[in-house]
Protein backbone atom coordinates (compact mmCIF):
# COMPACT_ATOMS: atom_id res chain seq x y z
CA MET A 1 7.66 -15.66 -15.58
CA THR A 2 9.16 -15.26 -12.17
CA LEU A 3 9.25 -12.56 -9.35
CA ASP A 4 12.31 -11.24 -10.79
CA ARG A 5 10.21 -9.54 -13.41
CA TYR A 6 8.89 -7.24 -10.67
CA ALA A 7 11.91 -7.05 -8.21
CA LEU A 8 13.63 -3.71 -7.97
CA ALA A 9 16.85 -2.86 -6.19
CA PRO A 10 17.29 -2.24 -3.35
CA MET A 11 14.26 -3.96 -2.16
CA LYS A 12 15.18 -7.30 -3.85
CA ASP A 13 18.59 -7.23 -2.27
CA LEU A 14 17.09 -7.54 1.15
CA TRP A 15 15.83 -10.89 0.40
CA THR A 16 18.87 -12.71 -1.06
CA PRO A 17 20.78 -15.42 1.14
CA ASP A 18 23.72 -13.12 1.59
CA ALA A 19 21.44 -10.45 3.18
CA GLN A 20 19.92 -13.12 5.44
CA TYR A 21 23.43 -14.27 6.44
CA GLU A 22 24.69 -10.92 7.00
CA ASN A 23 21.71 -10.20 9.43
CA TRP A 24 22.24 -13.56 11.18
CA LEU A 25 25.61 -12.59 11.87
CA ARG A 26 24.77 -9.04 13.06
CA VAL A 27 22.48 -10.52 15.62
CA GLU A 28 24.94 -13.25 16.66
CA LEU A 29 27.68 -10.59 17.22
CA ALA A 30 25.35 -8.06 19.10
CA ALA A 31 24.10 -11.10 21.37
CA LEU A 32 27.67 -12.06 22.09
CA ALA A 33 28.89 -8.52 22.74
CA ALA A 34 26.02 -7.94 25.31
CA LEU A 35 26.70 -11.21 26.95
CA GLU A 36 30.30 -10.32 27.41
CA GLU A 37 29.22 -6.93 28.91
CA ALA A 38 27.17 -9.02 31.46
CA ASP A 39 30.19 -11.15 32.28
CA GLY A 40 28.75 -14.25 30.55
CA VAL A 41 31.67 -15.00 28.44
CA PRO A 42 35.50 -14.26 28.89
CA ALA A 43 36.51 -10.77 28.27
CA GLY A 44 37.78 -10.15 24.74
CA THR A 45 35.74 -12.77 23.28
CA ALA A 46 33.41 -10.66 21.22
CA ALA A 47 36.33 -8.58 19.63
CA THR A 48 38.14 -11.82 18.68
CA VAL A 49 34.87 -13.38 16.98
CA SER A 50 34.08 -10.18 15.31
CA ALA A 51 37.59 -9.81 13.87
CA ARG A 52 37.64 -13.40 12.52
CA ALA A 53 34.10 -13.92 11.57
CA ARG A 54 33.25 -14.43 7.87
CA ILE A 55 30.46 -15.93 5.73
CA ASP A 56 31.39 -18.81 3.54
CA ARG A 57 28.30 -19.63 1.65
CA ASP A 58 29.99 -22.81 0.16
CA ARG A 59 30.61 -24.04 3.69
CA ILE A 60 27.12 -23.23 4.82
CA ARG A 61 25.64 -25.25 1.99
CA ALA A 62 27.77 -28.08 2.68
CA TRP A 63 26.83 -28.29 6.18
CA GLU A 64 23.27 -27.75 5.41
CA GLU A 65 23.24 -30.68 3.12
CA GLU A 66 24.44 -32.59 6.04
CA THR A 67 22.41 -31.29 8.77
CA GLY A 68 19.30 -30.22 7.03
CA HIS A 69 19.19 -27.17 9.35
CA ASP A 70 20.06 -23.83 7.94
CA LEU A 71 20.99 -21.75 11.09
CA LEU A 72 22.98 -24.78 12.46
CA ALA A 73 24.94 -24.88 9.21
CA PHE A 74 25.52 -21.33 9.43
CA LEU A 75 26.92 -21.41 12.91
CA TRP A 76 29.07 -24.45 12.32
CA ALA A 77 30.72 -22.82 9.09
CA LEU A 78 31.00 -19.57 11.31
CA GLU A 79 32.80 -21.50 14.06
CA GLU A 80 35.09 -23.10 11.48
CA ALA A 81 36.21 -19.55 10.63
CA VAL A 82 36.45 -18.02 14.11
CA GLY A 83 38.34 -20.94 15.87
CA PRO A 84 37.95 -21.91 19.49
CA GLU A 85 36.19 -18.61 20.52
CA GLY A 86 33.56 -19.54 17.99
CA ARG A 87 32.07 -21.95 20.71
CA TRP A 88 30.65 -18.78 22.47
CA LEU A 89 28.56 -17.93 19.42
CA HIS A 90 24.83 -18.63 19.92
CA TYR A 91 25.39 -19.00 23.69
CA GLY A 92 22.20 -19.41 25.70
CA LEU A 93 20.01 -18.93 22.24
CA THR A 94 17.71 -20.70 20.12
CA SER A 95 17.41 -20.62 16.34
CA SER A 96 14.38 -18.53 16.31
CA ASP A 97 16.04 -15.82 18.55
CA VAL A 98 18.47 -15.18 15.63
CA LYS A 99 15.98 -15.69 12.83
CA ASP A 100 13.19 -13.62 14.22
CA THR A 101 15.41 -10.85 15.20
CA ALA A 102 17.09 -10.84 11.96
CA LEU A 103 13.86 -10.94 10.18
CA ALA A 104 12.72 -7.88 12.11
CA LEU A 105 15.79 -6.05 10.70
CA THR A 106 14.78 -6.96 7.18
CA LEU A 107 11.14 -5.96 7.70
CA VAL A 108 12.06 -2.67 9.22
CA ALA A 109 14.34 -1.90 6.18
CA GLY A 110 11.75 -3.19 3.72
CA LEU A 111 9.07 -0.97 5.27
CA ASP A 112 11.44 2.15 5.13
CA LEU A 113 11.66 1.56 1.37
CA VAL A 114 8.02 1.01 1.03
CA LEU A 115 7.36 4.22 2.92
CA ASP A 116 9.75 6.11 0.62
CA LYS A 117 8.00 4.80 -2.52
CA ALA A 118 4.59 5.85 -0.86
CA ALA A 119 5.88 9.31 -0.31
CA ARG A 120 6.95 9.59 -3.96
CA LEU A 121 3.54 8.43 -4.93
CA GLY A 122 1.95 11.01 -2.67
CA GLU A 123 3.85 13.72 -4.42
CA ALA A 124 2.61 12.53 -7.75
CA VAL A 125 -0.96 12.32 -6.76
CA GLY A 126 -0.93 15.47 -4.81
CA GLU A 127 0.40 17.46 -7.75
CA LEU A 128 -2.21 15.75 -9.95
CA ALA A 129 -4.93 16.70 -7.67
CA GLU A 130 -3.95 20.41 -7.37
CA ARG A 131 -3.31 20.76 -11.17
CA HIS A 132 -6.85 19.48 -12.01
CA ARG A 133 -8.62 20.86 -8.91
CA ASP A 134 -11.27 22.62 -10.88
CA VAL A 135 -11.48 20.52 -14.11
CA PRO A 136 -14.95 19.05 -14.43
CA ILE A 137 -15.69 15.50 -15.15
CA LEU A 138 -18.79 13.39 -14.82
CA GLY A 139 -19.07 11.44 -11.65
CA ARG A 140 -20.17 7.86 -12.16
CA THR A 141 -21.95 5.73 -9.80
CA HIS A 142 -22.83 2.07 -10.52
CA GLY A 143 -21.18 2.58 -13.85
CA GLN A 144 -23.85 5.22 -14.74
CA TRP A 145 -23.63 9.11 -15.09
CA ALA A 146 -23.92 10.75 -12.03
CA GLU A 147 -23.46 14.37 -10.88
CA PRO A 148 -20.37 16.22 -12.04
CA THR A 149 -17.42 16.49 -9.88
CA THR A 150 -13.77 17.53 -10.86
CA PHE A 151 -10.71 15.33 -11.78
CA GLY A 152 -8.92 16.87 -8.92
CA ARG A 153 -11.48 15.57 -6.35
CA LYS A 154 -10.82 12.25 -7.88
CA ALA A 155 -7.05 12.38 -7.19
CA LEU A 156 -7.59 14.11 -3.85
CA ALA A 157 -9.50 10.93 -2.76
CA TRP A 158 -6.42 8.78 -3.52
CA TYR A 159 -4.18 11.36 -1.70
CA ASP A 160 -6.38 11.03 1.26
CA GLU A 161 -6.45 7.49 1.43
CA LEU A 162 -2.72 7.33 0.99
CA GLY A 163 -2.39 9.25 4.12
CA ARG A 164 -4.08 6.35 5.82
CA VAL A 165 -1.88 3.83 4.03
CA VAL A 166 1.17 5.54 5.35
CA SER A 167 -0.21 5.56 8.93
CA ARG A 168 -0.70 1.98 8.72
CA LEU A 169 2.67 1.22 7.27
CA ARG A 170 4.23 3.26 10.09
CA ARG A 171 2.28 1.47 12.81
CA ALA A 172 3.33 -2.00 11.13
CA ARG A 173 7.05 -0.75 11.24
CA ASP A 174 6.76 0.14 14.96
CA GLY A 175 5.00 -3.17 15.70
CA ILE A 176 7.53 -5.26 13.99
CA ALA A 177 10.74 -3.43 15.35
CA VAL A 178 11.05 -6.00 17.97
CA GLY A 179 13.42 -8.93 18.65
CA LYS A 180 13.81 -11.75 21.14
CA LEU A 181 16.90 -13.35 22.61
CA SER A 182 15.22 -15.21 25.34
CA GLY A 183 15.92 -18.86 24.49
CA ALA A 184 14.09 -21.94 23.65
CA VAL A 185 10.59 -21.14 24.97
CA GLY A 186 11.36 -17.47 25.89
CA THR A 187 12.07 -17.92 29.54
CA HIS A 188 15.68 -16.39 29.52
CA ALA A 189 16.92 -19.70 31.18
CA HIS A 190 20.41 -19.28 29.72
CA TYR A 191 20.53 -15.52 28.22
CA PRO A 192 19.72 -12.61 30.72
CA PRO A 193 17.00 -10.27 29.83
CA GLN A 194 19.53 -7.33 30.39
CA ALA A 195 21.73 -8.56 27.75
CA GLU A 196 18.91 -9.04 25.59
CA GLU A 197 18.02 -5.37 26.07
CA ARG A 198 21.48 -4.05 25.17
CA ALA A 199 21.95 -6.43 22.18
CA LEU A 200 18.69 -5.42 20.62
CA ALA A 201 19.19 -1.76 21.47
CA SER A 202 22.38 -1.97 19.34
CA LEU A 203 20.52 -3.28 16.52
CA GLY A 204 17.87 -0.64 16.72
CA LEU A 205 15.14 -2.89 17.99
CA ARG A 206 13.46 -3.32 21.39
CA PRO A 207 12.75 -6.49 23.17
CA CYS A 208 9.23 -8.18 22.39
CA PRO A 209 7.71 -7.79 26.02
CA ILE A 210 6.98 -11.57 26.00
CA ALA A 211 7.79 -14.28 23.53
CA THR A 212 7.48 -17.93 23.44
CA GLN A 213 10.16 -19.58 21.14
CA ILE A 214 9.06 -16.97 18.53
CA VAL A 215 7.96 -13.49 18.27
CA SER A 216 4.04 -13.60 17.93
CA ARG A 217 2.95 -13.68 14.19
CA ASP A 218 0.31 -11.05 14.75
CA ARG A 219 2.83 -8.56 14.30
CA HIS A 220 3.83 -9.93 10.86
CA ALA A 221 0.20 -10.22 10.01
CA GLU A 222 -0.07 -6.44 10.68
CA VAL A 223 2.83 -5.85 8.27
CA LEU A 224 1.16 -7.94 5.57
CA PHE A 225 -2.15 -6.09 5.97
CA ALA A 226 -0.31 -2.60 5.72
CA LEU A 227 1.24 -3.90 2.58
CA ALA A 228 -2.02 -4.99 1.11
CA SER A 229 -3.81 -1.73 1.99
CA ALA A 230 -1.10 -0.09 -0.14
CA ALA A 231 -1.63 -2.47 -2.97
CA SER A 232 -5.52 -1.90 -2.77
CA LEU A 233 -5.01 1.91 -3.15
CA VAL A 234 -2.71 1.38 -6.22
CA GLU A 235 -5.48 -0.91 -7.75
CA LYS A 236 -8.02 1.80 -6.94
CA ILE A 237 -5.92 4.35 -8.95
CA ALA A 238 -5.18 1.91 -11.81
CA LEU A 239 -8.77 0.71 -12.09
CA GLU A 240 -10.03 4.27 -12.48
CA VAL A 241 -7.28 4.84 -15.12
CA ARG A 242 -8.54 1.62 -17.00
CA HIS A 243 -11.96 2.69 -17.04
CA LEU A 244 -11.34 6.19 -17.92
CA SER A 245 -9.18 4.99 -20.79
CA ARG A 246 -11.81 2.98 -22.50
CA SER A 247 -12.46 3.77 -26.22
CA GLU A 248 -15.96 4.78 -25.27
CA VAL A 249 -14.86 7.12 -22.52
CA GLY A 250 -11.43 8.38 -23.45
CA GLU A 251 -11.01 10.98 -20.78
CA VAL A 252 -7.41 9.84 -19.86
CA ALA A 253 -4.67 7.78 -21.20
CA GLU A 254 -1.47 6.16 -19.70
CA GLY A 255 1.59 8.07 -20.73
CA ARG A 256 3.08 5.04 -22.36
CA PRO A 257 0.29 2.65 -23.48
CA GLU A 258 1.05 -0.63 -25.22
CA GLY A 259 -0.05 -1.50 -28.74
CA SER A 260 -1.28 -4.80 -29.94
CA SER A 261 0.50 -7.31 -32.18
CA ALA A 262 -2.45 -7.82 -34.42
CA MET A 263 -4.36 -4.20 -34.01
CA PRO A 264 -2.18 -1.33 -34.83
CA HIS A 265 -4.61 1.16 -33.67
CA LYS A 266 -4.51 -0.09 -30.07
CA LYS A 267 -3.47 1.91 -27.16
CA ASN A 268 -3.86 -0.55 -24.12
CA PRO A 269 -3.62 0.49 -20.46
CA ILE A 270 -1.18 -2.41 -19.71
CA LEU A 271 0.44 -1.04 -16.63
CA SER A 272 -2.84 -0.35 -15.05
CA GLU A 273 -4.10 -3.82 -15.75
CA ARG A 274 -0.77 -5.21 -14.38
CA LEU A 275 -1.10 -3.26 -11.14
CA CYS A 276 -4.84 -4.49 -10.73
CA GLY A 277 -3.50 -8.16 -11.20
CA LEU A 278 -0.58 -7.74 -8.69
CA ALA A 279 -3.01 -6.39 -5.97
CA ARG A 280 -4.80 -9.59 -5.96
CA VAL A 281 -1.66 -11.55 -5.23
CA VAL A 282 -0.72 -9.18 -2.37
CA ARG A 283 -4.24 -9.27 -0.79
CA ALA A 284 -4.13 -13.04 -1.05
CA GLY A 285 -1.44 -13.06 1.55
CA ILE A 286 -3.70 -11.70 4.43
CA GLY A 287 -5.39 -14.97 5.17
CA PRO A 288 -2.13 -17.24 5.36
CA ALA A 289 -0.53 -14.35 7.34
CA TRP A 290 -3.23 -14.57 10.06
CA GLU A 291 -3.28 -18.33 10.12
CA ASP A 292 0.36 -18.25 11.02
CA ASN A 293 -0.41 -16.69 14.25
CA ALA A 294 -1.95 -19.75 15.71
CA LEU A 295 0.62 -22.39 16.34
CA TRP A 296 1.09 -25.38 18.59
CA HIS A 297 2.07 -24.37 22.10
CA GLU A 298 5.29 -22.38 22.33
CA ARG A 299 5.93 -22.94 18.52
CA ASP A 300 5.65 -25.19 15.42
CA MET A 301 7.13 -24.80 12.06
CA SER A 302 4.06 -24.29 10.04
CA HIS A 303 4.44 -20.82 9.63
CA SER A 304 8.03 -20.73 8.52
CA SER A 305 7.43 -22.10 4.92
CA VAL A 306 4.52 -19.46 4.48
CA GLU A 307 6.84 -16.72 5.32
CA ARG A 308 9.76 -17.64 3.24
CA VAL A 309 7.39 -17.23 0.14
CA LEU A 310 4.81 -14.68 1.47
CA LEU A 311 7.15 -11.98 2.84
CA PRO A 312 9.61 -11.38 -0.03
CA GLN A 313 6.87 -11.74 -2.51
CA SER A 314 4.59 -9.10 -0.74
CA PHE A 315 7.44 -6.75 -0.08
CA ILE A 316 8.82 -6.89 -3.66
CA LEU A 317 5.35 -6.64 -5.29
CA VAL A 318 4.35 -3.57 -3.24
CA ASP A 319 7.69 -1.98 -3.77
CA TYR A 320 7.18 -2.51 -7.56
CA MET A 321 3.55 -1.37 -7.51
CA LEU A 322 4.22 1.91 -5.59
CA ASP A 323 7.00 2.66 -8.02
CA ARG A 324 5.13 2.09 -11.08
CA ALA A 325 1.99 3.67 -9.79
CA ALA A 326 4.00 7.04 -9.17
CA GLY A 327 5.17 6.86 -12.88
CA LEU A 328 1.70 6.13 -14.01
CA VAL A 329 0.31 9.14 -12.28
CA ARG A 330 3.01 11.45 -13.22
CA GLY A 331 2.81 10.45 -16.90
CA LEU A 332 -1.07 10.45 -17.08
CA VAL A 333 -2.50 12.13 -20.03
CA ILE A 334 -5.71 13.97 -19.13
CA PHE A 335 -8.27 15.10 -21.74
CA PRO A 336 -10.12 17.94 -20.27
CA ASP A 337 -12.17 18.76 -23.49
CA ARG A 338 -13.31 15.09 -23.60
CA MET A 339 -14.54 15.31 -19.95
CA ARG A 340 -16.43 18.42 -20.87
CA ALA A 341 -17.84 16.76 -23.86
CA TRP A 342 -19.23 13.94 -22.06
CA ILE A 343 -20.98 16.24 -19.67
CA GLU A 344 -22.57 17.87 -22.59
CA GLU A 345 -23.40 14.37 -24.13
CA ALA A 346 -25.26 13.70 -21.02
CA ARG A 347 -27.73 16.24 -22.00
CA GLY A 348 -28.52 17.54 -18.53
CA LEU A 349 -29.43 14.26 -16.92
CA PRO A 350 -26.50 14.50 -14.38
CA PHE A 351 -28.20 17.68 -12.99
CA SER A 352 -31.49 15.81 -12.18
CA GLU A 353 -31.18 16.55 -8.54
CA GLY A 354 -30.66 20.10 -8.90
CA LEU A 355 -33.97 20.22 -10.72
CA LEU A 356 -35.48 18.05 -8.10
CA LEU A 357 -34.46 20.25 -5.26
CA ALA A 358 -35.51 23.42 -7.14
CA LEU A 359 -39.14 22.03 -7.30
CA VAL A 360 -38.98 20.93 -3.63
CA ARG A 361 -38.13 24.69 -2.77
CA SER A 362 -41.04 25.85 -4.74
CA GLY A 363 -43.40 23.88 -2.40
CA LEU A 364 -43.83 20.51 -4.40
CA GLY A 365 -43.75 17.45 -2.16
CA ARG A 366 -40.56 15.51 -2.51
CA ARG A 367 -42.28 12.37 -3.92
CA GLU A 368 -44.24 14.32 -6.41
CA ALA A 369 -41.12 16.19 -7.49
CA HIS A 370 -39.25 12.86 -7.95
CA GLU A 371 -41.76 11.26 -9.74
CA LEU A 372 -42.05 14.36 -12.22
CA VAL A 373 -38.29 14.61 -12.71
CA SER A 374 -37.98 10.83 -13.19
CA ARG A 375 -40.73 11.07 -15.88
CA LEU A 376 -39.06 14.10 -17.58
CA ALA A 377 -35.53 12.30 -17.64
CA ALA A 378 -37.22 9.36 -19.30
CA MET A 379 -38.70 11.60 -21.84
CA ALA A 380 -35.23 13.44 -22.45
CA ARG A 381 -33.65 9.83 -22.99
CA ALA A 382 -36.38 8.52 -25.28
CA THR A 383 -36.38 11.67 -27.49
CA GLY A 384 -32.56 12.50 -27.32
CA SER A 385 -33.45 15.88 -25.82
CA ASP A 386 -31.77 17.86 -23.26
CA LEU A 387 -33.27 17.49 -19.77
CA ALA A 388 -33.38 21.32 -19.39
CA GLN A 389 -35.53 21.72 -22.49
CA VAL A 390 -37.83 19.12 -21.68
CA ALA A 391 -38.27 20.56 -18.13
CA ALA A 392 -38.81 24.09 -19.61
CA ALA A 393 -41.50 22.87 -21.66
CA ASP A 394 -43.31 20.99 -18.83
CA PRO A 395 -46.46 22.96 -17.56
CA ILE A 396 -45.85 21.96 -13.80
CA VAL A 397 -42.29 23.05 -14.00
CA ARG A 398 -43.15 26.29 -15.90
CA ALA A 399 -45.70 27.22 -13.18
CA ARG A 400 -43.21 26.71 -10.32
CA LEU A 401 -39.87 27.66 -11.60
CA SER A 402 -38.69 30.75 -13.33
CA ARG A 403 -36.05 30.91 -16.15
CA GLU A 404 -33.42 31.73 -13.65
CA ASP A 405 -34.37 29.03 -11.34
CA LEU A 406 -34.06 26.51 -14.24
CA ARG A 407 -30.80 28.02 -15.36
CA SER A 408 -29.45 27.75 -11.68
CA ALA A 409 -30.50 23.99 -11.60
CA PHE A 410 -28.56 23.08 -14.48
CA ASP A 411 -25.45 25.37 -13.84
CA LEU A 412 -22.28 23.39 -13.87
CA ARG A 413 -20.33 25.59 -11.62
CA SER A 414 -23.11 25.22 -8.93
CA ALA A 415 -23.31 21.57 -9.57
CA LEU A 416 -19.49 21.17 -8.81
CA GLY A 417 -20.09 22.53 -5.24
CA ASP A 418 -17.29 24.02 -3.09
CA VAL A 419 -14.24 22.32 -4.47
CA GLY A 420 -11.82 24.03 -2.25
CA ALA A 421 -13.65 22.54 0.86
CA ALA A 422 -12.48 19.08 0.22
CA PHE A 423 -8.79 20.34 -0.08
CA ASP A 424 -9.03 22.20 3.24
CA ARG A 425 -10.57 19.18 5.00
CA VAL A 426 -7.83 16.91 3.78
CA ARG A 427 -5.24 19.56 4.98
CA ARG A 428 -6.91 19.79 8.37
CA ALA A 429 -6.81 15.97 8.68
CA GLY A 430 -3.23 16.18 9.14
CA TYR A 431 -1.95 15.17 5.84
CA THR A 432 0.35 17.50 3.85
CA ALA A 433 -2.16 19.03 1.37
CA PRO A 434 -1.64 18.85 -2.37
CA GLY A 435 -0.29 22.46 -3.39
CA ASP A 436 1.13 23.08 0.11
CA ARG A 437 3.62 20.45 0.81
CA ASP A 438 6.14 22.76 2.26
CA GLY A 439 3.95 23.67 5.31
C-alpha cells in the first residue's frame, strides 16, 4: 500500500518532480529578471533565457547521476538548453535560495487547496448542525450516560473548532509565504536585497526578514501543526461516528458502510476508522518538524530528508481527510428515534442533576441532596425502575417536592436548555453560523 491510495488531484500534482522543476524555473527566471532590472546582468538576458529555457528531465537525471546534486543537475541541463546566456542563471544565489523559495510556492498552493477543502467540510458540518439543531440525544461522559443534549450541538462543536483550524491554516499560509534570494549565508553578498524584493513580489511572496542559508524551519513547523489540527478535528468527527455507529448504540450510520467477507450482516464504519488512523500519521509529523528547526550554524542538511517525506505526505493525507470527511458528514444517516429510545432506556438517570437541584432549591443541603439522589439512582438501577418513579416514592422527596416540581426535574425540554444560545455564540465568535452562511 502506498501514499497513492490517498493522493487526490490537484494536491498530488503539486509534489511531482515536474512541479518541482517548474517552480525552480519560475524562481530562477524571476531572480534573473530582477537582477537585470538592477543592472546586474546585460540587458536582454532575461528575455533570451526565458524564451529558450526548457525542462529536460532526462538530462537532469543524467547530470544528477554524475553530480549527486539535484539543483546543480537542473542548472546544468538548463544552461545546455539556453546557451551562453545561461551562465547568468543562479547568479549570486545558493541552492537553498531556489529550493526554499520554490517550496514556499508549493506550500502556499497546498494550503489554498486545504483551505478550500476545509470550507467544504464547514458547509457540510454547518448544515448538519442546523438540520439536527433540536434533535435530542444522550450526552455521554467517560463513556457513561450523561445529561441529554442535541445532535445539532455535537455538530456545532465541530463547526466551531473548524473555525479555529481555518484560522491556524491561514496564519500558517501567511507565515510561509516568504522566500529568500540572499546567498550562501543570507548576507546578500552577491545578490542585492532590492532585487530580492522585486523577484519575490513577482512570485507573490515577500522576503524573509532575515535568513541564514535557509528560511527558518519554525515557519514550516507551523504549517505542519496547522495541518495536524485539521487532521485532529477530522478524527474527532470520525471517532464520534464510530461510537454512535456501534451495534449497541445505533444512533448514526455511515452512508456507505462496508460489509464483511465472513459476516454478511456487518455494516462497518470503515471510512471513519480510516480517518482516525490517518490522523495518527499526520500528528506524528509535528515532532520531526520542530526538530528540523535546530540546525548547525547557518544550515545543515538534516532537515532536508525529513521534509522530502513529511511535507508531501502531510499535505496529501490532510487533503484526502478533509475531502472524505465532508462526504462522511453529508452522507451520514441519523436515527432520531433511536436517540430518543436511548433516552427512555436510561430510565430517568440522565436527569439526576435536575432532581438534585430541585432538592437544593427546596432547602435541603447539597451534600444531603447528592447522597439522597445517588441512593435513589442506585435503587433505580438495581430494580430496573425509572428514577422519577423511585424518587416519587421516597418520603423525603415527597415531603419537599410537588408533582409539578418532579415533572419539571425530569422534563426533557428543560434539560436540553437553550439550544439557540450556542448557535448565537458561534455566530458572535466571528464564524459564519450554520443556517446563516449568506451573512
